[in-house]
């Protein structure tokens, strides 16, 4: 639980997010047009709102699975140690896979997850991130698709939390301590 009081300043509106999700889904649908089924893998917990909106907009046969990776805990800084807390339920060998991440910050989590899934021999493995903070990158890792590039700010909303709070905001907001 946050110990200092804070306010949240809107950074990206719900309307802007919805428009960007539509654009991204058109590109992803085109990329995977020939697939018999796309396995959409959401990285829990931050991506759950994003993945819900994505799968409703994708014009493809899909299967949804989840993987939970953690490098933050309740803090504002990455520990850089990625732990897999929940693995996929199904096999991905020979399948088309899209990994859905909420935010690429240091790059450690997405790099770890993509390496893990690549070792399982999918036919194609691509990634999408709602947010990208390139100024914080420590690992050479970039999602194949990115919703928004943002500055080095601590953000919440649209599934992204601060100590398990603010996930339910319909927009992306910047945390500002008062």
C-alpha atoms as a PDB file:
ATOM      1  CA  UNK A   1       0.000   0.000   0.000  1.00  0.00           C
ATOM      2  CA  UNK A   2       1.386   3.415  -0.953  1.00  0.00           C
ATOM      3  CA  UNK A   3       2.573   5.319   2.105  1.00  0.00           C
ATOM      4  CA  UNK A   4       2.724   8.795   0.596  1.00  0.00           C
ATOM      5  CA  UNK A   5      -0.367  10.603  -0.726  1.00  0.00           C
ATOM      6  CA  UNK A   6      -0.484  10.980  -4.486  1.00  0.00           C
ATOM      7  CA  UNK A   7      -2.659  12.248  -7.314  1.00  0.00           C
ATOM      8  CA  UNK A   8      -3.020  10.900 -10.821  1.00  0.00           C
ATOM      9  CA  UNK A   9      -2.748  13.188 -13.825  1.00  0.00           C
ATOM     10  CA  UNK A  10      -4.321  11.856 -17.021  1.00  0.00           C
ATOM     11  CA  UNK A  11      -1.666  11.142 -19.651  1.00  0.00           C
ATOM     12  CA  UNK A  12      -3.493   9.105 -22.313  1.00  0.00           C
ATOM     13  CA  UNK A  13      -7.272   9.263 -22.556  1.00  0.00           C
ATOM     14  CA  UNK A  14      -9.573   6.259 -22.796  1.00  0.00           C
ATOM     15  CA  UNK A  15     -10.644   7.502 -26.239  1.00  0.00           C
ATOM     16  CA  UNK A  16      -7.020   7.642 -27.465  1.00  0.00           C
ATOM     17  CA  UNK A  17      -6.380   4.136 -26.147  1.00  0.00           C
ATOM     18  CA  UNK A  18      -9.473   2.753 -27.900  1.00  0.00           C
ATOM     19  CA  UNK A  19      -8.472   4.334 -31.220  1.00  0.00           C
ATOM     20  CA  UNK A  20      -4.927   2.990 -30.946  1.00  0.00           C
ATOM     21  CA  UNK A  21      -6.174  -0.514 -30.074  1.00  0.00           C
ATOM     22  CA  UNK A  22      -8.286  -0.502 -33.264  1.00  0.00           C
ATOM     23  CA  UNK A  23      -5.265   0.501 -35.374  1.00  0.00           C
ATOM     24  CA  UNK A  24      -3.029  -2.125 -33.764  1.00  0.00           C
ATOM     25  CA  UNK A  25      -5.620  -4.850 -34.279  1.00  0.00           C
ATOM     26  CA  UNK A  26      -5.858  -4.061 -37.989  1.00  0.00           C
ATOM     27  CA  UNK A  27      -2.073  -4.525 -38.270  1.00  0.00           C
ATOM     28  CA  UNK A  28      -2.051  -7.714 -36.205  1.00  0.00           C
ATOM     29  CA  UNK A  29      -4.984  -9.171 -38.159  1.00  0.00           C
ATOM     30  CA  UNK A  30      -3.086  -8.500 -41.386  1.00  0.00           C
ATOM     31  CA  UNK A  31       0.141 -10.024 -40.007  1.00  0.00           C
ATOM     32  CA  UNK A  32      -1.581 -13.232 -38.874  1.00  0.00           C
ATOM     33  CA  UNK A  33      -4.217 -13.428 -41.643  1.00  0.00           C
ATOM     34  CA  UNK A  34      -3.204 -16.963 -42.664  1.00  0.00           C
ATOM     35  CA  UNK A  35      -3.171 -18.433 -39.147  1.00  0.00           C
ATOM     36  CA  UNK A  36      -5.484 -21.282 -38.241  1.00  0.00           C
ATOM     37  CA  UNK A  37      -5.464 -19.957 -34.665  1.00  0.00           C
ATOM     38  CA  UNK A  38      -3.536 -17.225 -32.881  1.00  0.00           C
ATOM     39  CA  UNK A  39      -2.632 -17.900 -29.277  1.00  0.00           C
ATOM     40  CA  UNK A  40      -2.821 -14.576 -27.470  1.00  0.00           C
ATOM     41  CA  UNK A  41      -0.754 -14.738 -24.292  1.00  0.00           C
ATOM     42  CA  UNK A  42      -1.469 -12.051 -21.742  1.00  0.00           C
ATOM     43  CA  UNK A  43       1.205 -11.215 -19.203  1.00  0.00           C
ATOM     44  CA  UNK A  44      -0.616 -10.900 -15.909  1.00  0.00           C
ATOM     45  CA  UNK A  45      -1.634  -8.871 -14.215  1.00  0.00           C
ATOM     46  CA  UNK A  46      -1.083  -5.535 -15.914  1.00  0.00           C
ATOM     47  CA  UNK A  47      -2.183  -6.579 -19.400  1.00  0.00           C
ATOM     48  CA  UNK A  48      -5.642  -7.928 -18.559  1.00  0.00           C
ATOM     49  CA  UNK A  49      -7.605  -4.844 -19.673  1.00  0.00           C
ATOM     50  CA  UNK A  50      -5.472  -4.411 -22.799  1.00  0.00           C
ATOM     51  CA  UNK A  51      -5.796  -8.074 -23.785  1.00  0.00           C
ATOM     52  CA  UNK A  52      -9.581  -7.955 -23.337  1.00  0.00           C
ATOM     53  CA  UNK A  53      -9.840  -4.995 -25.696  1.00  0.00           C
ATOM     54  CA  UNK A  54      -7.397  -6.552 -28.186  1.00  0.00           C
ATOM     55  CA  UNK A  55      -9.152  -9.899 -28.495  1.00  0.00           C
ATOM     56  CA  UNK A  56     -12.518  -8.222 -29.034  1.00  0.00           C
ATOM     57  CA  UNK A  57     -11.049  -6.257 -31.953  1.00  0.00           C
ATOM     58  CA  UNK A  58      -8.977  -9.006 -33.599  1.00  0.00           C
ATOM     59  CA  UNK A  59     -10.638 -10.491 -36.660  1.00  0.00           C
ATOM     60  CA  UNK A  60      -8.900 -13.862 -36.268  1.00  0.00           C
ATOM     61  CA  UNK A  61      -9.535 -17.247 -34.688  1.00  0.00           C
ATOM     62  CA  UNK A  62      -7.896 -16.928 -31.283  1.00  0.00           C
ATOM     63  CA  UNK A  63      -7.137 -18.805 -28.116  1.00  0.00           C
ATOM     64  CA  UNK A  64      -6.277 -16.898 -24.947  1.00  0.00           C
ATOM     65  CA  UNK A  65      -3.778 -18.023 -22.352  1.00  0.00           C
ATOM     66  CA  UNK A  66      -1.967 -16.248 -19.552  1.00  0.00           C
ATOM     67  CA  UNK A  67       1.486 -16.190 -18.068  1.00  0.00           C
ATOM     68  CA  UNK A  68       2.300 -14.301 -14.898  1.00  0.00           C
ATOM     69  CA  UNK A  69       5.765 -12.847 -14.590  1.00  0.00           C
ATOM     70  CA  UNK A  70       6.890 -10.500 -11.870  1.00  0.00           C
ATOM     71  CA  UNK A  71       9.804  -8.131 -11.449  1.00  0.00           C
ATOM     72  CA  UNK A  72       8.124  -5.333  -9.455  1.00  0.00           C
ATOM     73  CA  UNK A  73       6.250  -6.588  -6.407  1.00  0.00           C
ATOM     74  CA  UNK A  74       4.617  -3.535  -4.790  1.00  0.00           C
ATOM     75  CA  UNK A  75       7.442  -1.126  -5.584  1.00  0.00           C
ATOM     76  CA  UNK A  76       7.981   1.498  -8.223  1.00  0.00           C
ATOM     77  CA  UNK A  77      11.309   0.084  -9.448  1.00  0.00           C
ATOM     78  CA  UNK A  78      11.994  -3.179 -11.245  1.00  0.00           C
ATOM     79  CA  UNK A  79      13.979  -5.712  -9.245  1.00  0.00           C
ATOM     80  CA  UNK A  80      15.434  -6.930 -12.580  1.00  0.00           C
ATOM     81  CA  UNK A  81      14.834 -10.482 -11.372  1.00  0.00           C
ATOM     82  CA  UNK A  82      12.021 -11.989 -13.424  1.00  0.00           C
ATOM     83  CA  UNK A  83      10.023 -14.749 -11.790  1.00  0.00           C
ATOM     84  CA  UNK A  84       7.380 -16.850 -13.544  1.00  0.00           C
ATOM     85  CA  UNK A  85       4.481 -17.107 -11.117  1.00  0.00           C
ATOM     86  CA  UNK A  86       1.991 -18.789 -13.499  1.00  0.00           C
ATOM     87  CA  UNK A  87       2.898 -20.637 -16.678  1.00  0.00           C
ATOM     88  CA  UNK A  88       0.818 -21.283 -19.792  1.00  0.00           C
ATOM     89  CA  UNK A  89      -1.821 -23.995 -19.614  1.00  0.00           C
ATOM     90  CA  UNK A  90      -1.364 -25.129 -23.198  1.00  0.00           C
ATOM     91  CA  UNK A  91       1.472 -26.023 -25.546  1.00  0.00           C
ATOM     92  CA  UNK A  92       2.595 -23.488 -28.155  1.00  0.00           C
ATOM     93  CA  UNK A  93       4.907 -25.637 -30.291  1.00  0.00           C
ATOM     94  CA  UNK A  94       4.219 -25.014 -33.967  1.00  0.00           C
ATOM     95  CA  UNK A  95       1.602 -22.363 -33.157  1.00  0.00           C
ATOM     96  CA  UNK A  96       1.355 -18.630 -33.853  1.00  0.00           C
ATOM     97  CA  UNK A  97       1.727 -16.687 -30.599  1.00  0.00           C
ATOM     98  CA  UNK A  98       1.212 -13.042 -29.685  1.00  0.00           C
ATOM     99  CA  UNK A  99       2.520 -11.956 -26.274  1.00  0.00           C
ATOM    100  CA  UNK A 100       0.617  -9.022 -24.759  1.00  0.00           C
ATOM    101  CA  UNK A 101       2.509  -6.833 -22.283  1.00  0.00           C
ATOM    102  CA  UNK A 102       1.268  -3.733 -20.488  1.00  0.00           C
ATOM    103  CA  UNK A 103       4.544  -1.798 -20.428  1.00  0.00           C
ATOM    104  CA  UNK A 104       8.124  -2.336 -21.563  1.00  0.00           C
ATOM    105  CA  UNK A 105      10.340  -0.533 -19.091  1.00  0.00           C
ATOM    106  CA  UNK A 106      13.812  -1.982 -18.464  1.00  0.00           C
ATOM    107  CA  UNK A 107      13.017  -4.751 -20.969  1.00  0.00           C
ATOM    108  CA  UNK A 108      13.959  -7.552 -18.586  1.00  0.00           C
ATOM    109  CA  UNK A 109      10.472  -9.078 -18.274  1.00  0.00           C
ATOM    110  CA  UNK A 110       9.630  -9.118 -21.983  1.00  0.00           C
ATOM    111  CA  UNK A 111      13.114 -10.394 -22.858  1.00  0.00           C
ATOM    112  CA  UNK A 112      12.816 -13.229 -20.328  1.00  0.00           C
ATOM    113  CA  UNK A 113       9.303 -14.196 -21.422  1.00  0.00           C
ATOM    114  CA  UNK A 114      10.107 -14.099 -25.143  1.00  0.00           C
ATOM    115  CA  UNK A 115      13.218 -16.256 -24.589  1.00  0.00           C
ATOM    116  CA  UNK A 116      11.209 -18.743 -22.538  1.00  0.00           C
ATOM    117  CA  UNK A 117       8.441 -18.981 -25.148  1.00  0.00           C
ATOM    118  CA  UNK A 118      10.900 -19.104 -28.080  1.00  0.00           C
ATOM    119  CA  UNK A 119      12.437 -22.204 -26.455  1.00  0.00           C
ATOM    120  CA  UNK A 120       9.041 -23.907 -26.835  1.00  0.00           C
ATOM    121  CA  UNK A 121       9.277 -23.683 -30.657  1.00  0.00           C
ATOM    122  CA  UNK A 122       6.244 -21.659 -31.729  1.00  0.00           C
ATOM    123  CA  UNK A 123       5.751 -21.221 -35.483  1.00  0.00           C
ATOM    124  CA  UNK A 124       5.761 -17.438 -35.030  1.00  0.00           C
ATOM    125  CA  UNK A 125       6.257 -15.411 -31.868  1.00  0.00           C
ATOM    126  CA  UNK A 126       5.412 -11.704 -31.813  1.00  0.00           C
ATOM    127  CA  UNK A 127       4.816  -9.203 -29.034  1.00  0.00           C
ATOM    128  CA  UNK A 128       2.744  -6.132 -28.387  1.00  0.00           C
ATOM    129  CA  UNK A 129       3.038  -3.625 -25.558  1.00  0.00           C
ATOM    130  CA  UNK A 130       0.554  -0.941 -24.678  1.00  0.00           C
ATOM    131  CA  UNK A 131       3.312   1.350 -23.393  1.00  0.00           C
ATOM    132  CA  UNK A 132       7.031   1.679 -24.045  1.00  0.00           C
ATOM    133  CA  UNK A 133       9.529   3.633 -21.931  1.00  0.00           C
ATOM    134  CA  UNK A 134      12.672   3.558 -24.100  1.00  0.00           C
ATOM    135  CA  UNK A 135      14.593   5.867 -21.720  1.00  0.00           C
ATOM    136  CA  UNK A 136      14.533   3.124 -19.052  1.00  0.00           C
ATOM    137  CA  UNK A 137      15.729   0.281 -21.293  1.00  0.00           C
ATOM    138  CA  UNK A 138      18.511  -1.902 -19.878  1.00  0.00           C
ATOM    139  CA  UNK A 139      18.020  -4.861 -22.230  1.00  0.00           C
ATOM    140  CA  UNK A 140      17.884  -4.561 -26.019  1.00  0.00           C
ATOM    141  CA  UNK A 141      14.208  -5.467 -26.262  1.00  0.00           C
ATOM    142  CA  UNK A 142      11.377  -3.831 -28.158  1.00  0.00           C
ATOM    143  CA  UNK A 143       7.875  -5.125 -28.765  1.00  0.00           C
ATOM    144  CA  UNK A 144       6.850  -5.771 -32.365  1.00  0.00           C
ATOM    145  CA  UNK A 145       3.918  -3.403 -31.845  1.00  0.00           C
ATOM    146  CA  UNK A 146       3.641  -0.549 -29.371  1.00  0.00           C
ATOM    147  CA  UNK A 147       0.584   1.445 -28.438  1.00  0.00           C
ATOM    148  CA  UNK A 148       2.287   4.523 -27.010  1.00  0.00           C
ATOM    149  CA  UNK A 149       5.830   5.602 -26.263  1.00  0.00           C
ATOM    150  CA  UNK A 150       5.940   7.485 -22.968  1.00  0.00           C
ATOM    151  CA  UNK A 151       8.572   9.329 -20.934  1.00  0.00           C
ATOM    152  CA  UNK A 152      10.085   7.921 -17.756  1.00  0.00           C
ATOM    153  CA  UNK A 153       7.044   8.450 -15.522  1.00  0.00           C
ATOM    154  CA  UNK A 154       5.356   6.059 -13.122  1.00  0.00           C
ATOM    155  CA  UNK A 155       1.933   5.353 -14.630  1.00  0.00           C
ATOM    156  CA  UNK A 156      -1.279   3.617 -13.609  1.00  0.00           C
ATOM    157  CA  UNK A 157      -4.664   2.802 -15.076  1.00  0.00           C
ATOM    158  CA  UNK A 158      -6.059   0.592 -17.826  1.00  0.00           C
ATOM    159  CA  UNK A 159      -4.885  -2.470 -15.878  1.00  0.00           C
ATOM    160  CA  UNK A 160      -1.585  -1.044 -14.620  1.00  0.00           C
ATOM    161  CA  UNK A 161      -1.316  -0.690 -10.854  1.00  0.00           C
ATOM    162  CA  UNK A 162       0.570   0.990  -8.055  1.00  0.00           C
ATOM    163  CA  UNK A 163       0.669  -1.470  -5.134  1.00  0.00           C
ATOM    164  CA  UNK A 164      -2.488  -3.160  -6.489  1.00  0.00           C
ATOM    165  CA  UNK A 165      -4.440   0.109  -6.793  1.00  0.00           C
ATOM    166  CA  UNK A 166      -5.719   2.143  -9.752  1.00  0.00           C
ATOM    167  CA  UNK A 167      -5.986  -0.749 -12.250  1.00  0.00           C
ATOM    168  CA  UNK A 168      -9.623   0.173 -12.857  1.00  0.00           C
ATOM    169  CA  UNK A 169      -8.968   3.644 -14.269  1.00  0.00           C
ATOM    170  CA  UNK A 170     -10.116   3.819 -17.925  1.00  0.00           C
ATOM    171  CA  UNK A 171      -7.115   5.988 -18.898  1.00  0.00           C
ATOM    172  CA  UNK A 172      -3.358   5.972 -18.384  1.00  0.00           C
ATOM    173  CA  UNK A 173      -2.338   8.425 -15.668  1.00  0.00           C
ATOM    174  CA  UNK A 174       0.919   9.661 -14.241  1.00  0.00           C
ATOM    175  CA  UNK A 175       1.418   9.244 -10.488  1.00  0.00           C
ATOM    176  CA  UNK A 176       2.423  12.467  -8.789  1.00  0.00           C
ATOM    177  CA  UNK A 177       3.210  12.490  -5.083  1.00  0.00           C
ATOM    178  CA  UNK A 178       1.769  15.403  -3.106  1.00  0.00           C
END
